[in-house]
Amino acid sequence: DSTSLAFSYIEWLFWSSDHYLWIGTYGGGLFQFDPNDDSFIRYQYDPEDSTSLSNNLVTYIIEESEDVLWVGTVGGLNRLDRTTGKFKRFLNLESDTTSLSSNDVRTLYIDRSGTLWVGTGFIYGLNLSQGGLNRFSPQTETFTRYLHNPDNPESLMGNIIKAIYE
């Protein structure tokens, strides 16, 4: 049934300003629940569609505006344009230091000035040096990375970012 919740491992719940419940599952993608008719809209990764969700392992959901929802996954960051239902993917590119520092998104935060912050890295991952904190620039659609540097005591203590507070 394409209008039902098709995956039971729920990782994240988010109630948006337009009164929809967004459900991030760990393996089944993203679901939008409409309480008016008890139906679901499913958003999943499709390797043939570059405007689909980047990965079905959803880790975080946050709202920028009534039209924009940010969705973190273990396979990158996604910006959902809710008017079109299309995603724009933001991924780590090894050759681009202005890309996301890691595809393993663990937390998202929008500060008082409207800046999106992205915490990456997984504590049980094989490489604990991967991860970091990222600040998104909407003008250039690039990231400034903040990483642990063992030679700089004023850098991050580590690259595993699980929470962001202002």
N, C-alpha and C. Protein backbone atom coordinates (compact mmCIF):
# COMPACT_ATOMS: atom_id res chain seq x y z
N ASP A 1 0.86 -1.18 0.00
CA ASP A 1 0.00 0.00 0.00
C ASP A 1 0.90 1.24 0.00
N SER A 2 0.92 1.96 -1.10
CA SER A 2 1.79 3.12 -1.24
C SER A 2 1.38 4.30 -0.36
N THR A 3 0.22 4.24 0.27
CA THR A 3 -0.23 5.33 1.13
C THR A 3 -0.11 4.97 2.61
N SER A 4 0.69 3.96 2.92
CA SER A 4 0.87 3.57 4.32
C SER A 4 2.34 3.66 4.70
N LEU A 5 2.60 3.59 6.00
CA LEU A 5 3.97 3.57 6.50
C LEU A 5 4.52 2.17 6.25
N ALA A 6 5.50 2.08 5.37
CA ALA A 6 5.97 0.78 4.90
C ALA A 6 7.23 0.30 5.58
N PHE A 7 7.67 0.98 6.62
CA PHE A 7 8.90 0.57 7.28
C PHE A 7 8.77 0.91 8.76
N SER A 8 9.13 -0.03 9.65
CA SER A 8 8.83 0.17 11.06
C SER A 8 10.00 0.69 11.90
N TYR A 9 11.20 0.75 11.38
CA TYR A 9 12.32 1.26 12.16
C TYR A 9 12.36 2.78 12.03
N ILE A 10 11.70 3.46 12.96
CA ILE A 10 11.60 4.92 12.92
C ILE A 10 12.78 5.53 13.66
N GLU A 11 13.50 6.40 12.98
CA GLU A 11 14.68 7.05 13.54
C GLU A 11 14.39 8.48 13.98
N TRP A 12 13.51 9.19 13.26
CA TRP A 12 13.29 10.60 13.55
C TRP A 12 11.85 10.99 13.24
N LEU A 13 11.26 11.82 14.10
CA LEU A 13 9.92 12.38 13.88
C LEU A 13 10.03 13.90 13.90
N PHE A 14 9.28 14.55 13.00
CA PHE A 14 9.29 16.00 12.96
C PHE A 14 7.91 16.50 12.56
N TRP A 15 7.36 17.40 13.36
CA TRP A 15 6.06 18.00 13.08
C TRP A 15 6.31 19.35 12.43
N SER A 16 5.95 19.52 11.15
CA SER A 16 6.26 20.75 10.42
C SER A 16 5.19 21.82 10.64
N SER A 17 5.55 23.04 10.27
CA SER A 17 4.66 24.19 10.49
C SER A 17 3.36 24.09 9.72
N ASP A 18 3.34 23.28 8.65
CA ASP A 18 2.10 23.11 7.88
C ASP A 18 1.30 21.90 8.36
N HIS A 19 1.62 21.41 9.55
CA HIS A 19 0.85 20.37 10.25
C HIS A 19 0.93 18.99 9.61
N TYR A 20 2.10 18.66 9.09
CA TYR A 20 2.37 17.30 8.64
C TYR A 20 3.38 16.68 9.59
N LEU A 21 3.25 15.39 9.79
CA LEU A 21 4.24 14.65 10.57
C LEU A 21 5.19 14.00 9.58
N TRP A 22 6.48 14.30 9.73
CA TRP A 22 7.52 13.74 8.87
C TRP A 22 8.20 12.63 9.66
N ILE A 23 8.34 11.48 9.03
CA ILE A 23 8.89 10.30 9.68
C ILE A 23 10.11 9.85 8.91
N GLY A 24 11.24 9.89 9.57
CA GLY A 24 12.48 9.39 8.97
C GLY A 24 12.73 7.99 9.45
N THR A 25 12.86 7.05 8.53
CA THR A 25 13.09 5.67 8.91
C THR A 25 14.52 5.27 8.59
N TYR A 26 14.98 4.28 9.28
CA TYR A 26 16.35 3.81 9.09
C TYR A 26 16.32 2.61 8.15
N GLY A 27 16.12 2.93 6.87
CA GLY A 27 16.09 1.89 5.84
C GLY A 27 14.95 2.03 4.86
N GLY A 28 13.88 2.72 5.25
CA GLY A 28 12.72 2.83 4.38
C GLY A 28 12.52 4.21 3.78
N GLY A 29 13.41 5.17 4.10
CA GLY A 29 13.28 6.50 3.53
C GLY A 29 12.51 7.45 4.42
N LEU A 30 11.90 8.44 3.79
CA LEU A 30 11.17 9.52 4.45
C LEU A 30 9.69 9.40 4.13
N PHE A 31 8.85 9.63 5.14
CA PHE A 31 7.40 9.58 4.96
C PHE A 31 6.79 10.86 5.48
N GLN A 32 5.77 11.34 4.75
CA GLN A 32 5.00 12.51 5.17
C GLN A 32 3.61 12.01 5.51
N PHE A 33 3.21 12.20 6.77
CA PHE A 33 1.89 11.76 7.22
C PHE A 33 0.94 12.94 7.22
N ASP A 34 -0.21 12.76 6.57
CA ASP A 34 -1.25 13.78 6.53
C ASP A 34 -2.34 13.37 7.52
N PRO A 35 -2.47 14.08 8.66
CA PRO A 35 -3.48 13.70 9.65
C PRO A 35 -4.92 13.94 9.19
N ASN A 36 -5.10 14.71 8.13
CA ASN A 36 -6.45 14.97 7.65
C ASN A 36 -7.10 13.75 7.03
N ASP A 37 -6.30 12.91 6.36
CA ASP A 37 -6.86 11.71 5.74
C ASP A 37 -6.11 10.43 6.11
N ASP A 38 -5.21 10.54 7.09
CA ASP A 38 -4.42 9.39 7.57
C ASP A 38 -3.63 8.70 6.47
N SER A 39 -3.11 9.50 5.54
CA SER A 39 -2.34 8.91 4.43
C SER A 39 -0.87 9.29 4.54
N PHE A 40 -0.04 8.57 3.82
CA PHE A 40 1.39 8.81 3.80
C PHE A 40 1.86 9.06 2.38
N ILE A 41 2.83 9.95 2.24
CA ILE A 41 3.56 10.10 0.99
C ILE A 41 4.97 9.60 1.28
N ARG A 42 5.48 8.75 0.41
CA ARG A 42 6.78 8.12 0.61
C ARG A 42 7.82 8.76 -0.29
N TYR A 43 8.98 9.08 0.30
CA TYR A 43 10.13 9.59 -0.45
C TYR A 43 11.28 8.61 -0.21
N GLN A 44 11.79 8.04 -1.31
CA GLN A 44 12.86 7.06 -1.19
C GLN A 44 13.96 7.33 -2.20
N TYR A 45 15.10 6.73 -1.93
CA TYR A 45 16.24 6.80 -2.84
C TYR A 45 15.91 6.03 -4.12
N ASP A 46 16.20 6.66 -5.25
CA ASP A 46 16.05 6.02 -6.56
C ASP A 46 17.34 6.29 -7.33
N PRO A 47 18.13 5.24 -7.60
CA PRO A 47 19.41 5.46 -8.28
C PRO A 47 19.27 6.07 -9.67
N GLU A 48 18.09 6.01 -10.25
CA GLU A 48 17.85 6.57 -11.57
C GLU A 48 17.37 8.02 -11.53
N ASP A 49 17.15 8.55 -10.34
CA ASP A 49 16.59 9.90 -10.20
C ASP A 49 17.47 10.74 -9.28
N SER A 50 18.20 11.68 -9.84
CA SER A 50 19.11 12.52 -9.04
C SER A 50 18.37 13.51 -8.15
N THR A 51 17.05 13.63 -8.30
CA THR A 51 16.26 14.52 -7.44
C THR A 51 15.52 13.74 -6.36
N SER A 52 15.87 12.46 -6.19
CA SER A 52 15.28 11.67 -5.11
C SER A 52 16.16 11.79 -3.86
N LEU A 53 15.69 11.26 -2.76
CA LEU A 53 16.43 11.21 -1.52
C LEU A 53 17.76 10.50 -1.77
N SER A 54 18.85 10.97 -1.14
CA SER A 54 20.18 10.40 -1.41
C SER A 54 20.40 9.04 -0.76
N ASN A 55 19.61 8.70 0.25
CA ASN A 55 19.80 7.44 0.97
C ASN A 55 18.56 7.17 1.79
N ASN A 56 18.20 5.90 1.98
CA ASN A 56 17.00 5.55 2.75
C ASN A 56 17.22 5.45 4.25
N LEU A 57 18.45 5.68 4.71
CA LEU A 57 18.74 5.67 6.14
C LEU A 57 18.69 7.11 6.64
N VAL A 58 17.51 7.55 7.06
CA VAL A 58 17.28 8.93 7.48
C VAL A 58 17.67 9.09 8.94
N THR A 59 18.47 10.13 9.22
CA THR A 59 18.96 10.35 10.58
C THR A 59 18.44 11.62 11.24
N TYR A 60 17.97 12.60 10.45
CA TYR A 60 17.55 13.87 11.04
C TYR A 60 16.66 14.63 10.05
N ILE A 61 15.70 15.39 10.59
CA ILE A 61 14.81 16.23 9.78
C ILE A 61 14.67 17.57 10.48
N ILE A 62 14.76 18.66 9.70
CA ILE A 62 14.57 20.00 10.25
C ILE A 62 13.93 20.87 9.17
N GLU A 63 13.17 21.86 9.61
CA GLU A 63 12.46 22.75 8.68
C GLU A 63 13.17 24.10 8.60
N GLU A 64 13.45 24.52 7.38
CA GLU A 64 14.00 25.87 7.17
C GLU A 64 12.88 26.88 7.01
N SER A 65 11.88 26.49 6.23
CA SER A 65 10.72 27.35 5.97
C SER A 65 9.56 26.44 5.60
N GLU A 66 8.41 27.05 5.36
CA GLU A 66 7.25 26.24 4.99
C GLU A 66 7.49 25.47 3.68
N ASP A 67 8.40 25.97 2.85
CA ASP A 67 8.67 25.33 1.57
C ASP A 67 9.88 24.40 1.56
N VAL A 68 10.74 24.51 2.58
CA VAL A 68 12.01 23.78 2.55
C VAL A 68 12.18 22.94 3.81
N LEU A 69 12.48 21.67 3.58
CA LEU A 69 12.79 20.73 4.64
C LEU A 69 14.17 20.16 4.38
N TRP A 70 15.01 20.10 5.40
CA TRP A 70 16.33 19.49 5.29
C TRP A 70 16.27 18.10 5.89
N VAL A 71 16.85 17.13 5.18
CA VAL A 71 16.82 15.73 5.62
C VAL A 71 18.25 15.19 5.61
N GLY A 72 18.71 14.78 6.79
CA GLY A 72 20.02 14.16 6.90
C GLY A 72 19.90 12.66 6.76
N THR A 73 20.87 12.06 6.09
CA THR A 73 20.93 10.61 5.94
C THR A 73 22.37 10.15 6.17
N VAL A 74 22.58 8.84 6.19
CA VAL A 74 23.95 8.35 6.27
C VAL A 74 24.62 8.44 4.91
N GLY A 75 23.89 8.89 3.91
CA GLY A 75 24.42 9.05 2.56
C GLY A 75 24.29 10.47 2.06
N GLY A 76 24.41 11.47 2.95
CA GLY A 76 24.39 12.86 2.52
C GLY A 76 23.25 13.67 3.09
N LEU A 77 23.28 14.95 2.75
CA LEU A 77 22.28 15.93 3.17
C LEU A 77 21.37 16.22 1.99
N ASN A 78 20.08 16.39 2.27
CA ASN A 78 19.08 16.61 1.22
C ASN A 78 18.21 17.81 1.57
N ARG A 79 17.98 18.66 0.57
CA ARG A 79 17.05 19.78 0.74
C ARG A 79 15.81 19.47 -0.09
N LEU A 80 14.68 19.30 0.59
CA LEU A 80 13.42 18.98 -0.08
C LEU A 80 12.66 20.26 -0.36
N ASP A 81 12.38 20.49 -1.63
CA ASP A 81 11.49 21.58 -2.04
C ASP A 81 10.09 21.00 -1.96
N ARG A 82 9.33 21.38 -0.94
CA ARG A 82 8.03 20.77 -0.72
C ARG A 82 7.00 21.17 -1.77
N THR A 83 7.24 22.22 -2.53
CA THR A 83 6.30 22.58 -3.59
C THR A 83 6.45 21.65 -4.80
N THR A 84 7.67 21.14 -5.03
CA THR A 84 7.89 20.24 -6.18
C THR A 84 8.04 18.78 -5.77
N GLY A 85 8.39 18.53 -4.50
CA GLY A 85 8.64 17.17 -4.06
C GLY A 85 10.00 16.64 -4.50
N LYS A 86 10.87 17.55 -4.93
CA LYS A 86 12.20 17.17 -5.42
C LYS A 86 13.27 17.51 -4.39
N PHE A 87 14.31 16.70 -4.36
CA PHE A 87 15.43 16.92 -3.45
C PHE A 87 16.64 17.45 -4.21
N LYS A 88 17.42 18.26 -3.51
CA LYS A 88 18.76 18.61 -3.97
C LYS A 88 19.71 17.96 -2.98
N ARG A 89 20.68 17.22 -3.51
CA ARG A 89 21.61 16.49 -2.67
C ARG A 89 22.89 17.29 -2.44
N PHE A 90 23.40 17.20 -1.22
CA PHE A 90 24.68 17.78 -0.86
C PHE A 90 25.53 16.65 -0.29
N LEU A 91 26.63 16.35 -0.99
CA LEU A 91 27.44 15.20 -0.65
C LEU A 91 28.89 15.59 -0.41
N ASN A 92 29.61 14.70 0.25
CA ASN A 92 31.04 14.86 0.42
C ASN A 92 31.73 14.49 -0.88
N LEU A 93 32.57 15.39 -1.35
CA LEU A 93 33.41 15.13 -2.53
C LEU A 93 34.85 15.29 -2.06
N GLU A 94 35.62 14.22 -2.10
CA GLU A 94 36.98 14.26 -1.56
C GLU A 94 37.82 15.38 -2.14
N SER A 95 37.61 15.69 -3.40
CA SER A 95 38.43 16.71 -4.07
C SER A 95 37.94 18.13 -3.85
N ASP A 96 36.84 18.31 -3.12
CA ASP A 96 36.25 19.63 -2.93
C ASP A 96 36.12 19.95 -1.44
N THR A 97 36.99 20.82 -0.94
CA THR A 97 36.97 21.16 0.48
C THR A 97 35.79 22.06 0.87
N THR A 98 35.00 22.50 -0.11
CA THR A 98 33.80 23.27 0.20
C THR A 98 32.55 22.40 0.17
N SER A 99 32.74 21.09 0.00
CA SER A 99 31.61 20.16 0.07
C SER A 99 31.44 19.71 1.52
N LEU A 100 30.40 18.99 1.79
CA LEU A 100 30.12 18.44 3.11
C LEU A 100 31.32 17.60 3.57
N SER A 101 31.70 17.72 4.84
CA SER A 101 32.90 17.02 5.32
C SER A 101 32.73 15.50 5.38
N SER A 102 31.50 15.03 5.52
CA SER A 102 31.21 13.60 5.57
C SER A 102 29.76 13.40 5.15
N ASN A 103 29.47 12.28 4.50
CA ASN A 103 28.10 11.99 4.11
C ASN A 103 27.25 11.45 5.25
N ASP A 104 27.87 11.13 6.37
CA ASP A 104 27.16 10.56 7.51
C ASP A 104 26.62 11.68 8.40
N VAL A 105 25.45 12.21 8.03
CA VAL A 105 24.84 13.34 8.74
C VAL A 105 24.15 12.82 10.00
N ARG A 106 24.48 13.45 11.15
CA ARG A 106 23.93 13.00 12.42
C ARG A 106 23.05 14.04 13.11
N THR A 107 23.25 15.32 12.82
CA THR A 107 22.43 16.35 13.45
C THR A 107 22.39 17.58 12.55
N LEU A 108 21.29 18.33 12.63
CA LEU A 108 21.11 19.57 11.87
C LEU A 108 20.61 20.64 12.83
N TYR A 109 21.01 21.88 12.56
CA TYR A 109 20.57 22.98 13.41
C TYR A 109 20.52 24.25 12.58
N ILE A 110 19.46 25.03 12.74
CA ILE A 110 19.37 26.34 12.12
C ILE A 110 19.43 27.37 13.24
N ASP A 111 20.47 28.22 13.19
CA ASP A 111 20.68 29.17 14.28
C ASP A 111 19.78 30.39 14.14
N ARG A 112 19.88 31.31 15.10
CA ARG A 112 19.02 32.50 15.13
C ARG A 112 19.14 33.37 13.88
N SER A 113 20.29 33.34 13.24
CA SER A 113 20.46 34.15 12.02
C SER A 113 20.02 33.40 10.76
N GLY A 114 19.55 32.15 10.92
CA GLY A 114 19.07 31.38 9.77
C GLY A 114 20.13 30.51 9.12
N THR A 115 21.30 30.41 9.74
CA THR A 115 22.39 29.60 9.19
C THR A 115 22.18 28.13 9.53
N LEU A 116 22.32 27.28 8.52
CA LEU A 116 22.22 25.84 8.71
C LEU A 116 23.58 25.28 9.10
N TRP A 117 23.60 24.50 10.19
CA TRP A 117 24.78 23.80 10.66
C TRP A 117 24.53 22.31 10.54
N VAL A 118 25.55 21.58 10.12
CA VAL A 118 25.42 20.14 9.89
C VAL A 118 26.51 19.41 10.67
N GLY A 119 26.09 18.54 11.57
CA GLY A 119 27.03 17.71 12.32
C GLY A 119 27.11 16.34 11.68
N THR A 120 28.34 15.87 11.44
CA THR A 120 28.53 14.60 10.76
C THR A 120 29.46 13.69 11.57
N GLY A 121 29.50 12.43 11.16
CA GLY A 121 30.37 11.44 11.78
C GLY A 121 29.59 10.48 12.64
N PHE A 122 30.07 9.25 12.70
CA PHE A 122 29.36 8.20 13.42
C PHE A 122 30.30 7.56 14.43
N ILE A 123 29.89 7.54 15.68
CA ILE A 123 30.76 7.07 16.76
C ILE A 123 31.17 5.61 16.58
N TYR A 124 30.37 4.81 15.91
CA TYR A 124 30.69 3.40 15.72
C TYR A 124 31.29 3.14 14.34
N GLY A 125 31.65 4.20 13.64
CA GLY A 125 32.24 4.05 12.32
C GLY A 125 33.66 3.51 12.39
N LEU A 126 34.15 3.06 11.27
CA LEU A 126 35.49 2.49 11.21
C LEU A 126 36.57 3.56 11.28
N ASN A 127 36.25 4.76 10.81
CA ASN A 127 37.23 5.83 10.78
C ASN A 127 36.71 7.01 11.60
N LEU A 128 37.18 7.14 12.84
CA LEU A 128 36.69 8.20 13.72
C LEU A 128 37.21 9.58 13.34
N SER A 129 38.14 9.64 12.39
CA SER A 129 38.62 10.95 11.94
C SER A 129 37.66 11.57 10.93
N GLN A 130 36.75 10.77 10.38
CA GLN A 130 35.77 11.32 9.44
C GLN A 130 34.65 11.98 10.21
N GLY A 131 34.06 13.00 9.64
CA GLY A 131 32.97 13.72 10.28
C GLY A 131 33.27 15.20 10.28
N GLY A 132 32.81 15.88 11.32
CA GLY A 132 33.07 17.30 11.47
C GLY A 132 31.79 18.12 11.50
N LEU A 133 31.98 19.40 11.76
CA LEU A 133 30.90 20.38 11.79
C LEU A 133 30.98 21.19 10.51
N ASN A 134 29.82 21.46 9.90
CA ASN A 134 29.76 22.18 8.63
C ASN A 134 28.78 23.33 8.72
N ARG A 135 29.17 24.50 8.19
CA ARG A 135 28.28 25.66 8.10
C ARG A 135 27.92 25.85 6.63
N PHE A 136 26.63 25.88 6.33
CA PHE A 136 26.15 25.99 4.96
C PHE A 136 25.99 27.44 4.54
N SER A 137 26.47 27.77 3.34
CA SER A 137 26.27 29.09 2.76
C SER A 137 25.21 28.97 1.67
N PRO A 138 24.01 29.54 1.87
CA PRO A 138 22.97 29.42 0.85
C PRO A 138 23.29 30.18 -0.43
N GLN A 139 24.11 31.22 -0.33
CA GLN A 139 24.45 32.01 -1.52
C GLN A 139 25.28 31.18 -2.50
N THR A 140 26.25 30.44 -1.99
CA THR A 140 27.14 29.65 -2.85
C THR A 140 26.82 28.16 -2.83
N GLU A 141 25.93 27.75 -1.94
CA GLU A 141 25.59 26.34 -1.72
C GLU A 141 26.85 25.51 -1.45
N THR A 142 27.72 26.07 -0.60
CA THR A 142 28.94 25.39 -0.19
C THR A 142 29.00 25.34 1.33
N PHE A 143 29.99 24.63 1.84
CA PHE A 143 30.14 24.45 3.28
C PHE A 143 31.50 24.93 3.74
N THR A 144 31.52 25.48 4.94
CA THR A 144 32.76 25.74 5.65
C THR A 144 32.88 24.61 6.66
N ARG A 145 34.02 23.94 6.65
CA ARG A 145 34.23 22.79 7.53
C ARG A 145 34.99 23.20 8.80
N TYR A 146 34.58 22.61 9.90
CA TYR A 146 35.28 22.76 11.18
C TYR A 146 35.63 21.34 11.63
N LEU A 147 36.95 21.08 11.71
CA LEU A 147 37.42 19.73 11.97
C LEU A 147 38.41 19.70 13.13
N HIS A 148 38.60 18.52 13.69
CA HIS A 148 39.61 18.32 14.72
C HIS A 148 40.99 18.40 14.08
N ASN A 149 41.87 19.16 14.70
CA ASN A 149 43.26 19.25 14.27
C ASN A 149 44.11 19.00 15.51
N PRO A 150 44.81 17.86 15.56
CA PRO A 150 45.57 17.55 16.77
C PRO A 150 46.66 18.57 17.09
N ASP A 151 47.07 19.36 16.11
CA ASP A 151 48.09 20.39 16.33
C ASP A 151 47.51 21.72 16.78
N ASN A 152 46.18 21.82 16.83
CA ASN A 152 45.53 23.07 17.22
C ASN A 152 44.58 22.81 18.39
N PRO A 153 44.96 23.22 19.60
CA PRO A 153 44.11 22.97 20.77
C PRO A 153 42.79 23.74 20.73
N GLU A 154 42.65 24.71 19.83
CA GLU A 154 41.41 25.47 19.73
C GLU A 154 40.45 24.89 18.67
N SER A 155 40.85 23.78 18.03
CA SER A 155 39.96 23.14 17.06
C SER A 155 38.96 22.25 17.80
N LEU A 156 38.09 21.60 17.07
CA LEU A 156 37.14 20.68 17.69
C LEU A 156 37.88 19.59 18.45
N MET A 157 37.28 19.08 19.50
CA MET A 157 37.90 18.00 20.27
C MET A 157 37.87 16.68 19.50
N GLY A 158 36.95 16.55 18.58
CA GLY A 158 36.81 15.35 17.77
C GLY A 158 35.89 15.64 16.61
N ASN A 159 35.80 14.71 15.69
CA ASN A 159 34.99 14.92 14.48
C ASN A 159 33.63 14.26 14.53
N ILE A 160 33.27 13.65 15.64
CA ILE A 160 31.95 13.04 15.77
C ILE A 160 31.02 14.08 16.40
N ILE A 161 30.09 14.62 15.59
CA ILE A 161 29.18 15.68 16.05
C ILE A 161 27.78 15.08 16.17
N LYS A 162 27.29 14.94 17.41
CA LYS A 162 26.00 14.33 17.64
C LYS A 162 24.90 15.33 18.00
N ALA A 163 25.29 16.54 18.40
CA ALA A 163 24.31 17.55 18.79
C ALA A 163 24.90 18.92 18.60
N ILE A 164 24.04 19.90 18.30
CA ILE A 164 24.45 21.29 18.14
C ILE A 164 23.48 22.15 18.94
N TYR A 165 24.04 23.04 19.76
CA TYR A 165 23.23 23.97 20.55
C TYR A 165 23.77 25.36 20.39
N GLU A 166 22.90 26.34 20.43
CA GLU A 166 23.31 27.73 20.34
C GLU A 166 23.21 28.38 21.72
